[in-house]
N, C-alpha and C. Protein backbone atom coordinates (compact mmCIF):
# COMPACT_ATOMS: atom_id res chain seq x y z
N UNK A 1 97.58 73.19 123.50
CA UNK A 1 98.59 73.12 122.45
C UNK A 1 98.16 73.87 121.19
N UNK A 2 96.85 73.86 120.93
CA UNK A 2 96.34 74.50 119.73
C UNK A 2 96.41 76.03 119.82
N UNK A 3 96.25 76.55 121.04
CA UNK A 3 96.19 78.00 121.19
C UNK A 3 97.46 78.71 120.71
N UNK A 4 98.67 78.26 121.06
CA UNK A 4 99.85 78.93 120.54
C UNK A 4 99.92 78.92 119.01
N UNK A 5 99.46 77.86 118.40
CA UNK A 5 99.47 77.79 116.93
C UNK A 5 98.54 78.85 116.34
N UNK A 6 97.37 78.99 116.92
CA UNK A 6 96.42 80.01 116.45
C UNK A 6 97.00 81.41 116.61
N UNK A 7 97.68 81.65 117.73
CA UNK A 7 98.30 82.96 117.94
C UNK A 7 99.41 83.22 116.93
N UNK A 8 100.17 82.18 116.60
CA UNK A 8 101.24 82.36 115.62
C UNK A 8 100.68 82.60 114.22
N UNK A 9 99.53 82.01 113.92
CA UNK A 9 98.85 82.30 112.65
C UNK A 9 98.46 83.78 112.61
N UNK A 10 97.89 84.27 113.70
CA UNK A 10 97.51 85.69 113.76
C UNK A 10 98.74 86.59 113.67
N UNK A 11 99.84 86.17 114.29
CA UNK A 11 101.09 86.94 114.18
C UNK A 11 101.55 86.99 112.73
N UNK A 12 101.46 85.87 112.04
CA UNK A 12 101.89 85.81 110.64
C UNK A 12 101.07 86.76 109.77
N UNK A 13 99.79 86.87 110.05
CA UNK A 13 98.92 87.77 109.29
C UNK A 13 99.41 89.22 109.43
N UNK A 14 99.92 89.56 110.60
CA UNK A 14 100.34 90.94 110.86
C UNK A 14 101.82 91.19 110.60
N UNK A 15 102.55 90.15 110.25
CA UNK A 15 104.00 90.29 110.07
C UNK A 15 104.37 91.20 108.89
N UNK A 16 103.73 91.00 107.74
CA UNK A 16 104.10 91.78 106.56
C UNK A 16 103.81 93.27 106.75
N UNK A 17 102.62 93.66 107.21
CA UNK A 17 102.42 95.09 107.44
C UNK A 17 103.33 95.65 108.53
N UNK A 18 103.70 94.84 109.52
CA UNK A 18 104.61 95.30 110.58
C UNK A 18 106.02 95.50 110.03
N UNK A 19 106.39 94.70 109.06
CA UNK A 19 107.71 94.80 108.46
C UNK A 19 107.96 96.19 107.85
N UNK A 20 106.89 96.82 107.41
CA UNK A 20 107.02 98.15 106.79
C UNK A 20 107.56 99.19 107.77
N UNK A 21 107.47 98.93 109.06
CA UNK A 21 108.04 99.85 110.03
C UNK A 21 109.56 99.90 109.88
N UNK A 22 110.17 98.74 109.65
CA UNK A 22 111.62 98.64 109.51
C UNK A 22 112.09 98.76 108.07
N UNK A 23 111.20 98.44 107.16
CA UNK A 23 111.53 98.45 105.73
C UNK A 23 110.45 99.23 104.98
N UNK A 24 110.55 100.55 104.98
CA UNK A 24 109.50 101.39 104.41
C UNK A 24 109.19 101.09 102.94
N UNK A 25 110.13 100.55 102.19
CA UNK A 25 109.86 100.22 100.79
C UNK A 25 108.71 99.22 100.66
N UNK A 26 108.44 98.50 101.73
CA UNK A 26 107.32 97.57 101.74
C UNK A 26 106.00 98.30 101.52
N UNK A 27 105.92 99.55 101.96
CA UNK A 27 104.69 100.32 101.76
C UNK A 27 104.39 100.52 100.28
N UNK A 28 105.44 100.63 99.48
CA UNK A 28 105.24 100.77 98.04
C UNK A 28 104.73 99.47 97.45
N UNK A 29 105.31 98.35 97.87
CA UNK A 29 104.86 97.07 97.30
C UNK A 29 103.49 96.65 97.82
N UNK A 30 103.19 96.94 99.08
CA UNK A 30 101.89 96.54 99.64
C UNK A 30 100.76 97.46 99.20
N UNK A 31 101.02 98.78 99.21
CA UNK A 31 99.94 99.74 99.02
C UNK A 31 100.13 100.68 97.84
N UNK A 32 101.26 100.56 97.16
CA UNK A 32 101.52 101.43 96.02
C UNK A 32 101.86 102.86 96.40
N UNK A 33 102.25 103.09 97.66
CA UNK A 33 102.59 104.44 98.10
C UNK A 33 104.05 104.75 97.79
N UNK A 34 104.27 105.93 97.29
CA UNK A 34 105.63 106.39 97.00
C UNK A 34 106.13 107.20 98.20
N UNK A 35 107.43 107.21 98.45
CA UNK A 35 107.98 107.95 99.60
C UNK A 35 107.67 109.44 99.60
N UNK A 36 107.40 110.02 98.44
CA UNK A 36 107.10 111.46 98.40
C UNK A 36 105.62 111.76 98.69
N UNK A 37 104.81 110.73 98.85
CA UNK A 37 103.40 110.91 99.19
C UNK A 37 103.28 111.28 100.67
N UNK A 38 102.52 112.31 101.00
CA UNK A 38 102.38 112.70 102.40
C UNK A 38 101.81 111.59 103.29
N UNK A 39 101.08 110.67 102.70
CA UNK A 39 100.51 109.57 103.50
C UNK A 39 101.55 108.50 103.84
N UNK A 40 102.72 108.56 103.22
CA UNK A 40 103.75 107.56 103.44
C UNK A 40 104.14 107.50 104.92
N UNK A 41 104.36 108.66 105.54
CA UNK A 41 104.73 108.72 106.95
C UNK A 41 103.62 108.17 107.83
N UNK A 42 102.39 108.52 107.52
CA UNK A 42 101.26 108.00 108.28
C UNK A 42 101.17 106.48 108.18
N UNK A 43 101.40 105.95 106.99
CA UNK A 43 101.35 104.50 106.80
C UNK A 43 102.53 103.81 107.50
N UNK A 44 103.66 104.49 107.58
CA UNK A 44 104.78 103.90 108.31
C UNK A 44 104.46 103.87 109.81
N UNK A 45 103.79 104.90 110.29
CA UNK A 45 103.34 104.89 111.68
C UNK A 45 102.34 103.76 111.89
N UNK A 46 101.45 103.57 110.95
CA UNK A 46 100.48 102.47 111.01
C UNK A 46 101.22 101.13 111.09
N UNK A 47 102.34 101.03 110.37
CA UNK A 47 103.15 99.81 110.43
C UNK A 47 103.67 99.59 111.85
N UNK A 48 104.00 100.67 112.54
CA UNK A 48 104.41 100.55 113.94
C UNK A 48 103.30 100.00 114.81
N UNK A 49 102.08 100.40 114.52
CA UNK A 49 100.94 99.84 115.26
C UNK A 49 100.74 98.36 114.93
N UNK A 50 100.96 97.99 113.68
CA UNK A 50 100.90 96.57 113.32
C UNK A 50 102.01 95.79 114.01
N UNK A 51 103.15 96.43 114.22
CA UNK A 51 104.22 95.79 114.97
C UNK A 51 103.75 95.48 116.39
N UNK A 52 103.02 96.41 116.98
CA UNK A 52 102.47 96.18 118.32
C UNK A 52 101.49 95.01 118.31
N UNK A 53 100.65 94.93 117.29
CA UNK A 53 99.71 93.80 117.17
C UNK A 53 100.48 92.49 117.01
N UNK A 54 101.51 92.51 116.17
CA UNK A 54 102.35 91.33 115.96
C UNK A 54 102.98 90.87 117.28
N UNK A 55 103.55 91.81 118.02
CA UNK A 55 104.19 91.48 119.30
C UNK A 55 103.15 90.94 120.28
N UNK A 56 101.96 91.52 120.29
CA UNK A 56 100.89 91.03 121.18
C UNK A 56 100.54 89.58 120.85
N UNK A 57 100.53 89.24 119.58
CA UNK A 57 100.23 87.86 119.17
C UNK A 57 101.33 86.90 119.62
N UNK A 58 102.57 87.29 119.42
CA UNK A 58 103.69 86.45 119.84
C UNK A 58 103.66 86.28 121.35
N UNK A 59 103.44 87.38 122.05
CA UNK A 59 103.38 87.34 123.52
C UNK A 59 102.27 86.38 123.96
N UNK A 60 101.09 86.52 123.37
CA UNK A 60 99.95 85.69 123.76
C UNK A 60 100.19 84.21 123.46
N UNK A 61 101.00 83.92 122.46
CA UNK A 61 101.29 82.52 122.14
C UNK A 61 102.01 81.83 123.28
N UNK A 62 102.76 82.60 124.07
CA UNK A 62 103.60 81.99 125.09
C UNK A 62 103.28 82.43 126.53
N UNK A 63 102.49 83.49 126.68
CA UNK A 63 102.16 84.00 128.02
C UNK A 63 100.63 84.04 128.16
N UNK A 64 100.06 83.02 128.76
CA UNK A 64 98.59 82.95 128.85
C UNK A 64 97.94 84.17 129.50
N UNK A 65 98.61 84.81 130.45
CA UNK A 65 98.02 85.95 131.13
C UNK A 65 97.75 87.14 130.20
N UNK A 66 98.41 87.20 129.07
CA UNK A 66 98.21 88.30 128.15
C UNK A 66 97.19 88.04 127.06
N UNK A 67 96.58 86.89 127.07
CA UNK A 67 95.72 86.51 125.94
C UNK A 67 94.44 87.32 125.83
N UNK A 68 93.82 87.64 126.93
CA UNK A 68 92.57 88.41 126.84
C UNK A 68 92.81 89.79 126.24
N UNK A 69 93.84 90.46 126.71
CA UNK A 69 94.16 91.77 126.15
C UNK A 69 94.55 91.64 124.68
N UNK A 70 95.32 90.62 124.35
CA UNK A 70 95.73 90.41 122.95
C UNK A 70 94.51 90.16 122.05
N UNK A 71 93.53 89.43 122.56
CA UNK A 71 92.30 89.21 121.78
C UNK A 71 91.66 90.55 121.44
N UNK A 72 91.59 91.45 122.42
CA UNK A 72 90.98 92.75 122.18
C UNK A 72 91.78 93.56 121.17
N UNK A 73 93.10 93.58 121.31
CA UNK A 73 93.94 94.35 120.40
C UNK A 73 93.83 93.82 118.97
N UNK A 74 93.97 92.52 118.81
CA UNK A 74 93.91 91.92 117.47
C UNK A 74 92.51 92.04 116.90
N UNK A 75 91.51 91.83 117.74
CA UNK A 75 90.13 91.93 117.29
C UNK A 75 89.78 93.33 116.81
N UNK A 76 90.19 94.34 117.55
CA UNK A 76 89.94 95.72 117.14
C UNK A 76 90.63 95.99 115.80
N UNK A 77 91.86 95.54 115.67
CA UNK A 77 92.60 95.77 114.43
C UNK A 77 91.91 95.12 113.23
N UNK A 78 91.60 93.85 113.35
CA UNK A 78 91.06 93.12 112.20
C UNK A 78 89.62 93.52 111.89
N UNK A 79 88.79 93.53 112.90
CA UNK A 79 87.37 93.80 112.67
C UNK A 79 87.15 95.25 112.23
N UNK A 80 87.88 96.19 112.83
CA UNK A 80 87.69 97.59 112.43
C UNK A 80 88.07 97.79 110.96
N UNK A 81 89.15 97.14 110.52
CA UNK A 81 89.51 97.28 109.11
C UNK A 81 88.40 96.71 108.23
N UNK A 82 87.91 95.53 108.57
CA UNK A 82 86.88 94.91 107.74
C UNK A 82 85.61 95.75 107.69
N UNK A 83 85.21 96.33 108.80
CA UNK A 83 84.02 97.18 108.83
C UNK A 83 84.25 98.43 107.98
N UNK A 84 85.40 99.08 108.16
CA UNK A 84 85.69 100.28 107.38
C UNK A 84 85.79 99.98 105.89
N UNK A 85 86.42 98.87 105.56
CA UNK A 85 86.54 98.45 104.16
C UNK A 85 85.16 98.24 103.55
N UNK A 86 84.30 97.56 104.27
CA UNK A 86 82.94 97.30 103.79
C UNK A 86 82.15 98.60 103.64
N UNK A 87 82.25 99.49 104.64
CA UNK A 87 81.54 100.77 104.59
C UNK A 87 82.03 101.64 103.44
N UNK A 88 83.28 101.46 103.04
CA UNK A 88 83.85 102.25 101.94
C UNK A 88 83.49 101.65 100.58
N UNK A 89 82.65 100.64 100.58
CA UNK A 89 82.24 100.03 99.32
C UNK A 89 83.16 98.91 98.86
N UNK A 90 83.91 98.34 99.78
CA UNK A 90 84.83 97.23 99.48
C UNK A 90 85.76 97.56 98.32
N UNK A 91 86.60 98.59 98.48
CA UNK A 91 87.49 98.98 97.37
C UNK A 91 88.41 97.84 96.94
N UNK A 92 88.43 97.62 95.65
CA UNK A 92 89.20 96.50 95.07
C UNK A 92 90.68 96.51 95.44
N UNK A 93 91.36 97.67 95.47
CA UNK A 93 92.79 97.64 95.80
C UNK A 93 93.10 97.10 97.20
N UNK A 94 92.11 97.13 98.09
CA UNK A 94 92.31 96.64 99.45
C UNK A 94 91.67 95.27 99.69
N UNK A 95 91.19 94.66 98.63
CA UNK A 95 90.48 93.39 98.76
C UNK A 95 91.38 92.29 99.31
N UNK A 96 92.62 92.23 98.86
CA UNK A 96 93.53 91.18 99.34
C UNK A 96 93.72 91.29 100.86
N UNK A 97 93.87 92.50 101.36
CA UNK A 97 94.03 92.70 102.79
C UNK A 97 92.77 92.24 103.53
N UNK A 98 91.62 92.60 102.99
CA UNK A 98 90.35 92.19 103.61
C UNK A 98 90.22 90.67 103.61
N UNK A 99 90.61 90.03 102.53
CA UNK A 99 90.51 88.57 102.47
C UNK A 99 91.44 87.89 103.48
N UNK A 100 92.62 88.45 103.66
CA UNK A 100 93.54 87.90 104.66
C UNK A 100 92.96 88.07 106.06
N UNK A 101 92.40 89.25 106.35
CA UNK A 101 91.77 89.45 107.66
C UNK A 101 90.57 88.52 107.84
N UNK A 102 89.77 88.36 106.80
CA UNK A 102 88.64 87.43 106.88
C UNK A 102 89.11 86.01 107.15
N UNK A 103 90.18 85.61 106.50
CA UNK A 103 90.72 84.27 106.70
C UNK A 103 91.24 84.09 108.12
N UNK A 104 91.66 85.18 108.75
CA UNK A 104 92.16 85.10 110.12
C UNK A 104 91.08 85.12 111.19
N UNK A 105 89.85 85.46 110.82
CA UNK A 105 88.78 85.54 111.82
C UNK A 105 88.52 84.22 112.54
N UNK A 106 88.56 83.06 111.87
CA UNK A 106 88.37 81.81 112.64
C UNK A 106 89.44 81.60 113.70
N UNK A 107 90.69 81.94 113.40
CA UNK A 107 91.75 81.83 114.41
C UNK A 107 91.48 82.80 115.56
N UNK A 108 91.06 84.01 115.23
CA UNK A 108 90.73 85.00 116.26
C UNK A 108 89.56 84.51 117.11
N UNK A 109 88.55 83.97 116.48
CA UNK A 109 87.40 83.44 117.23
C UNK A 109 87.84 82.31 118.16
N UNK A 110 88.73 81.46 117.67
CA UNK A 110 89.22 80.36 118.49
C UNK A 110 89.97 80.83 119.72
N UNK A 111 90.90 81.77 119.54
CA UNK A 111 91.66 82.24 120.70
C UNK A 111 90.78 83.05 121.63
N UNK A 112 89.80 83.76 121.08
CA UNK A 112 88.88 84.53 121.93
C UNK A 112 88.06 83.59 122.79
N UNK A 113 87.53 82.55 122.19
CA UNK A 113 86.74 81.57 122.95
C UNK A 113 87.59 80.94 124.04
N UNK A 114 88.80 80.54 123.70
CA UNK A 114 89.69 79.91 124.69
C UNK A 114 90.09 80.89 125.80
N UNK A 115 90.30 82.16 125.46
CA UNK A 115 90.73 83.14 126.44
C UNK A 115 89.61 83.54 127.41
N UNK A 116 88.38 83.57 126.92
CA UNK A 116 87.26 84.06 127.73
C UNK A 116 86.28 82.99 128.17
N UNK A 117 86.60 81.74 127.99
CA UNK A 117 85.63 80.67 128.28
C UNK A 117 85.40 80.44 129.76
N UNK A 118 86.20 80.98 130.63
CA UNK A 118 86.05 80.72 132.08
C UNK A 118 84.93 81.53 132.66
């Protein structure tokens, strides 16, 4: 019963960045990017990838067979950002994102343990 809740927590973490795929103005509020910035399109594509992570979390909440793959997808997304953020000197403008990902690591660890414990 706990596993679906943990997956939904992970989905919630990825919901806001995924929303930017459908609502590009979110990129301005989340990251301060203006539509005329060349990186805007790249960040909107990144939002599409977050949508995939979000869907993987929702799927894993209800379909046990997909949980191992979802752990890998979500883990790569969260941990790679944290490593890159740290290697870049922990830039202050991205600190809130890093803190949210850090807060999600216990949920990720929980679902990973449950998915791979056999």
